[in-house]
C-alpha atoms as a PDB file:
ATOM      1  CA  UNK A   1       0.362   0.172   0.041  1.00  0.00           C
ATOM      2  CA  UNK A   2       1.738   3.318  -0.473  1.00  0.00           C
ATOM      3  CA  UNK A   3       2.203   6.074   1.897  1.00  0.00           C
ATOM      4  CA  UNK A   4      -0.688   8.651   0.503  1.00  0.00           C
ATOM      5  CA  UNK A   5      -3.386   5.201   0.660  1.00  0.00           C
ATOM      6  CA  UNK A   6      -2.717   4.711   3.993  1.00  0.00           C
ATOM      7  CA  UNK A   7      -2.657   8.586   4.944  1.00  0.00           C
ATOM      8  CA  UNK A   8      -6.058   9.017   3.671  1.00  0.00           C
ATOM      9  CA  UNK A   9      -7.454   5.406   4.426  1.00  0.00           C
ATOM     10  CA  UNK A  10      -6.281   5.980   8.408  1.00  0.00           C
ATOM     11  CA  UNK A  11      -7.706   9.615   7.795  1.00  0.00           C
ATOM     12  CA  UNK A  12     -11.314   8.088   6.905  1.00  0.00           C
ATOM     13  CA  UNK A  13     -11.096   5.756   9.452  1.00  0.00           C
ATOM     14  CA  UNK A  14     -11.170   8.405  12.167  1.00  0.00           C
ATOM     15  CA  UNK A  15     -13.626  10.171  11.023  1.00  0.00           C
ATOM     16  CA  UNK A  16     -15.883   7.397  10.210  1.00  0.00           C
ATOM     17  CA  UNK A  17     -15.124   5.907  14.162  1.00  0.00           C
ATOM     18  CA  UNK A  18     -16.030  10.033  14.686  1.00  0.00           C
ATOM     19  CA  UNK A  19     -19.041  10.067  13.066  1.00  0.00           C
ATOM     20  CA  UNK A  20     -19.864   6.675  14.924  1.00  0.00           C
ATOM     21  CA  UNK A  21     -19.359   8.117  18.308  1.00  0.00           C
ATOM     22  CA  UNK A  22     -21.735  10.562  17.956  1.00  0.00           C
ATOM     23  CA  UNK A  23     -24.343   8.159  16.151  1.00  0.00           C
ATOM     24  CA  UNK A  24     -23.986   5.745  19.003  1.00  0.00           C
ATOM     25  CA  UNK A  25     -24.283   8.751  21.701  1.00  0.00           C
ATOM     26  CA  UNK A  26     -27.683  10.430  19.108  1.00  0.00           C
ATOM     27  CA  UNK A  27     -29.120   7.627  19.285  1.00  0.00           C
ATOM     28  CA  UNK A  28     -29.452   6.864  23.054  1.00  0.00           C
ATOM     29  CA  UNK A  29     -30.466  10.318  23.331  1.00  0.00           C
ATOM     30  CA  UNK A  30     -33.217  10.036  21.043  1.00  0.00           C
ATOM     31  CA  UNK A  31     -34.614   6.941  23.162  1.00  0.00           C
ATOM     32  CA  UNK A  32     -34.667   8.699  25.729  1.00  0.00           C
ATOM     33  CA  UNK A  33     -36.978  11.358  25.343  1.00  0.00           C
ATOM     34  CA  UNK A  34     -38.897   8.783  23.773  1.00  0.00           C
ATOM     35  CA  UNK A  35     -39.119   6.759  26.539  1.00  0.00           C
ATOM     36  CA  UNK A  36     -39.404   9.666  28.768  1.00  0.00           C
ATOM     37  CA  UNK A  37     -42.482  10.712  26.128  1.00  0.00           C
ATOM     38  CA  UNK A  38     -44.328   7.237  26.295  1.00  0.00           C
ATOM     39  CA  UNK A  39     -43.908   7.758  30.632  1.00  0.00           C
ATOM     40  CA  UNK A  40     -45.112  10.999  30.174  1.00  0.00           C
ATOM     41  CA  UNK A  41     -48.323  10.700  27.646  1.00  0.00           C
ATOM     42  CA  UNK A  42     -48.977   6.299  29.037  1.00  0.00           C
ATOM     43  CA  UNK A  43     -52.651   7.290  29.887  1.00  0.00           C
ATOM     44  CA  UNK A  44     -53.519   9.291  26.447  1.00  0.00           C
ATOM     45  CA  UNK A  45     -51.668   6.845  24.596  1.00  0.00           C
ATOM     46  CA  UNK A  46     -53.535   4.482  26.133  1.00  0.00           C
ATOM     47  CA  UNK A  47     -56.877   5.875  25.988  1.00  0.00           C
ATOM     48  CA  UNK A  48     -55.916   6.222  21.850  1.00  0.00           C
ATOM     49  CA  UNK A  49     -55.295   2.495  21.965  1.00  0.00           C
ATOM     50  CA  UNK A  50     -58.488   1.745  23.406  1.00  0.00           C
ATOM     51  CA  UNK A  51     -60.114   4.748  20.923  1.00  0.00           C
ATOM     52  CA  UNK A  52     -59.112   3.227  17.476  1.00  0.00           C
ATOM     53  CA  UNK A  53     -60.076  -0.621  18.694  1.00  0.00           C
ATOM     54  CA  UNK A  54     -63.744   1.120  19.310  1.00  0.00           C
ATOM     55  CA  UNK A  55     -63.325   2.667  15.558  1.00  0.00           C
ATOM     56  CA  UNK A  56     -62.306  -0.258  14.018  1.00  0.00           C
ATOM     57  CA  UNK A  57     -65.103  -2.155  15.594  1.00  0.00           C
ATOM     58  CA  UNK A  58     -67.030   0.811  14.839  1.00  0.00           C
ATOM     59  CA  UNK A  59     -66.289   0.655  11.149  1.00  0.00           C
ATOM     60  CA  UNK A  60     -66.349  -3.089  10.932  1.00  0.00           C
ATOM     61  CA  UNK A  61     -69.765  -2.601  11.286  1.00  0.00           C
ATOM     62  CA  UNK A  62     -70.814   0.284   9.281  1.00  0.00           C
ATOM     63  CA  UNK A  63     -68.797  -2.056   6.389  1.00  0.00           C
ATOM     64  CA  UNK A  64     -71.094  -5.042   7.041  1.00  0.00           C
ATOM     65  CA  UNK A  65     -74.315  -2.975   7.027  1.00  0.00           C
ATOM     66  CA  UNK A  66     -72.759  -0.990   3.915  1.00  0.00           C
ATOM     67  CA  UNK A  67     -72.042  -4.625   1.812  1.00  0.00           C
ATOM     68  CA  UNK A  68     -75.785  -5.697   3.234  1.00  0.00           C
ATOM     69  CA  UNK A  69     -77.415  -2.382   1.953  1.00  0.00           C
ATOM     70  CA  UNK A  70     -75.468  -3.001  -1.332  1.00  0.00           C
ATOM     71  CA  UNK A  71     -76.686  -6.488  -2.013  1.00  0.00           C
ATOM     72  CA  UNK A  72     -80.111  -5.979  -1.174  1.00  0.00           C
ATOM     73  CA  UNK A  73     -80.664  -2.506  -3.419  1.00  0.00           C
ATOM     74  CA  UNK A  74     -78.062  -2.354  -6.187  1.00  0.00           C
ATOM     75  CA  UNK A  75     -77.561   1.445  -4.661  1.00  0.00           C
ATOM     76  CA  UNK A  76     -73.766   3.229  -4.760  1.00  0.00           C
ATOM     77  CA  UNK A  77     -73.850   5.697  -2.744  1.00  0.00           C
ATOM     78  CA  UNK A  78     -74.828   5.333   0.213  1.00  0.00           C
ATOM     79  CA  UNK A  79     -75.604   7.723   3.498  1.00  0.00           C
ATOM     80  CA  UNK A  80     -73.421  10.314   5.008  1.00  0.00           C
ATOM     81  CA  UNK A  81     -70.487   9.791   1.726  1.00  0.00           C
ATOM     82  CA  UNK A  82     -69.724   6.241   2.228  1.00  0.00           C
ATOM     83  CA  UNK A  83     -70.336   4.627  -1.714  1.00  0.00           C
ATOM     84  CA  UNK A  84     -69.359   1.270  -2.555  1.00  0.00           C
ATOM     85  CA  UNK A  85     -67.042  -0.105  -5.404  1.00  0.00           C
ATOM     86  CA  UNK A  86     -67.560  -3.662  -6.300  1.00  0.00           C
ATOM     87  CA  UNK A  87     -64.126  -4.915  -8.151  1.00  0.00           C
ATOM     88  CA  UNK A  88     -63.661  -8.638  -9.483  1.00  0.00           C
ATOM     89  CA  UNK A  89     -61.431 -11.803  -7.961  1.00  0.00           C
ATOM     90  CA  UNK A  90     -60.427 -14.239  -9.928  1.00  0.00           C
ATOM     91  CA  UNK A  91     -59.059 -17.338  -9.654  1.00  0.00           C
ATOM     92  CA  UNK A  92     -57.099 -20.112 -11.720  1.00  0.00           C
ATOM     93  CA  UNK A  93     -54.826 -22.470 -12.329  1.00  0.00           C
ATOM     94  CA  UNK A  94     -51.752 -20.696 -13.415  1.00  0.00           C
ATOM     95  CA  UNK A  95     -50.630 -23.852 -14.720  1.00  0.00           C
ATOM     96  CA  UNK A  96     -54.161 -23.555 -17.326  1.00  0.00           C
ATOM     97  CA  UNK A  97     -53.594 -19.324 -17.240  1.00  0.00           C
ATOM     98  CA  UNK A  98     -49.932 -19.635 -18.548  1.00  0.00           C
ATOM     99  CA  UNK A  99     -50.425 -22.265 -20.994  1.00  0.00           C
ATOM    100  CA  UNK A 100     -53.043 -20.467 -22.624  1.00  0.00           C
ATOM    101  CA  UNK A 101     -51.786 -17.364 -22.409  1.00  0.00           C
ATOM    102  CA  UNK A 102     -48.681 -18.280 -24.344  1.00  0.00           C
ATOM    103  CA  UNK A 103     -51.090 -20.008 -27.330  1.00  0.00           C
ATOM    104  CA  UNK A 104     -52.442 -17.063 -28.427  1.00  0.00           C
ATOM    105  CA  UNK A 105     -48.681 -15.068 -28.004  1.00  0.00           C
ATOM    106  CA  UNK A 106     -49.148 -12.895 -25.344  1.00  0.00           C
ATOM    107  CA  UNK A 107     -46.874 -10.822 -24.173  1.00  0.00           C
ATOM    108  CA  UNK A 108     -45.845 -12.629 -20.396  1.00  0.00           C
ATOM    109  CA  UNK A 109     -42.665 -10.684 -18.665  1.00  0.00           C
ATOM    110  CA  UNK A 110     -39.454 -12.282 -17.908  1.00  0.00           C
ATOM    111  CA  UNK A 111     -38.760 -14.148 -15.310  1.00  0.00           C
ATOM    112  CA  UNK A 112     -35.310 -11.916 -14.832  1.00  0.00           C
ATOM    113  CA  UNK A 113     -34.450 -13.857 -11.078  1.00  0.00           C
ATOM    114  CA  UNK A 114     -34.839 -17.135 -12.909  1.00  0.00           C
ATOM    115  CA  UNK A 115     -32.880 -15.629 -15.725  1.00  0.00           C
ATOM    116  CA  UNK A 116     -29.827 -14.876 -14.411  1.00  0.00           C
ATOM    117  CA  UNK A 117     -29.859 -17.384 -12.395  1.00  0.00           C
ATOM    118  CA  UNK A 118     -29.626 -19.391 -15.760  1.00  0.00           C
ATOM    119  CA  UNK A 119     -27.557 -16.913 -17.207  1.00  0.00           C
ATOM    120  CA  UNK A 120     -24.501 -16.741 -14.388  1.00  0.00           C
ATOM    121  CA  UNK A 121     -23.511 -20.262 -15.641  1.00  0.00           C
ATOM    122  CA  UNK A 122     -24.479 -20.312 -19.121  1.00  0.00           C
ATOM    123  CA  UNK A 123     -23.410 -17.993 -22.290  1.00  0.00           C
ATOM    124  CA  UNK A 124     -25.530 -15.820 -24.195  1.00  0.00           C
ATOM    125  CA  UNK A 125     -24.484 -13.860 -27.487  1.00  0.00           C
ATOM    126  CA  UNK A 126     -27.136 -11.010 -26.093  1.00  0.00           C
ATOM    127  CA  UNK A 127     -25.926 -11.126 -22.590  1.00  0.00           C
ATOM    128  CA  UNK A 128     -23.144  -9.337 -21.530  1.00  0.00           C
ATOM    129  CA  UNK A 129     -21.673  -9.941 -17.998  1.00  0.00           C
ATOM    130  CA  UNK A 130     -20.048  -7.024 -15.795  1.00  0.00           C
ATOM    131  CA  UNK A 131     -18.337  -7.646 -12.586  1.00  0.00           C
ATOM    132  CA  UNK A 132     -19.613  -5.631  -9.459  1.00  0.00           C
ATOM    133  CA  UNK A 133     -17.163  -5.151  -6.763  1.00  0.00           C
ATOM    134  CA  UNK A 134     -18.989  -3.604  -3.432  1.00  0.00           C
ATOM    135  CA  UNK A 135     -16.579  -2.728  -0.393  1.00  0.00           C
ATOM    136  CA  UNK A 136     -18.558  -4.364   2.883  1.00  0.00           C
ATOM    137  CA  UNK A 137     -17.983  -2.354   5.500  1.00  0.00           C
ATOM    138  CA  UNK A 138     -17.049  -4.680   9.018  1.00  0.00           C
ATOM    139  CA  UNK A 139     -18.626  -2.748  12.047  1.00  0.00           C
ATOM    140  CA  UNK A 140     -15.513  -1.124  13.223  1.00  0.00           C
ATOM    141  CA  UNK A 141     -12.644  -0.464  10.609  1.00  0.00           C
ATOM    142  CA  UNK A 142      -9.102  -1.413  11.637  1.00  0.00           C
ATOM    143  CA  UNK A 143      -5.857  -0.719  10.172  1.00  0.00           C
ATOM    144  CA  UNK A 144      -2.591  -2.537  10.021  1.00  0.00           C
ATOM    145  CA  UNK A 145      -4.015  -5.216  12.345  1.00  0.00           C
ATOM    146  CA  UNK A 146      -2.557  -8.094  13.236  1.00  0.00           C
ATOM    147  CA  UNK A 147      -1.266  -9.339  10.627  1.00  0.00           C
ATOM    148  CA  UNK A 148      -0.785  -6.385   8.873  1.00  0.00           C
ATOM    149  CA  UNK A 149      -4.187  -6.988   6.382  1.00  0.00           C
ATOM    150  CA  UNK A 150      -6.128  -4.224   8.073  1.00  0.00           C
ATOM    151  CA  UNK A 151      -8.723  -7.105   7.934  1.00  0.00           C
ATOM    152  CA  UNK A 152     -11.150  -7.969  10.678  1.00  0.00           C
ATOM    153  CA  UNK A 153     -12.220 -11.320   9.964  1.00  0.00           C
ATOM    154  CA  UNK A 154     -13.977 -11.584  13.680  1.00  0.00           C
ATOM    155  CA  UNK A 155     -17.834  -9.952  12.044  1.00  0.00           C
ATOM    156  CA  UNK A 156     -19.326 -10.000   8.893  1.00  0.00           C
ATOM    157  CA  UNK A 157     -19.784  -6.446   6.691  1.00  0.00           C
ATOM    158  CA  UNK A 158     -22.460  -4.769   5.338  1.00  0.00           C
ATOM    159  CA  UNK A 159     -22.256  -4.608   1.369  1.00  0.00           C
ATOM    160  CA  UNK A 160     -22.192  -1.341   0.390  1.00  0.00           C
ATOM    161  CA  UNK A 161     -21.957  -0.079  -3.598  1.00  0.00           C
ATOM    162  CA  UNK A 162     -18.851   1.114  -4.539  1.00  0.00           C
END
């Protein structure tokens, strides 16, 4: 490693360490404030939960009434601005639907995940393969560890797009 790269690496490592320290402190403070808020307003939060549950129950009952009224009258505009929308729910055998669609020359969507899995091991003239490099950051960046590699193999890192 060149001296310039080593200086650059150490400088960024120091800056990242400082940012990690600040982030940890702010997250701790945020959790403390949230806990204080929840303790201070516990009664109000509990009342809101009860009201929300009651609202959900009442809406479910109103929905039952509206659906029943629609089935009886066919009317889609109901009291209080409620309205009915009617959609179509279809259930079918996927294999039969696929067979029908291919026999009728419908444009079907490519299963990209499946195709790319095959294309990784087989050559296609229309597929360009390009190596994508990811840089994985460990939880703690070590510069010049005991092996002199700067690598920390004790814990996994998360990949970041390079």
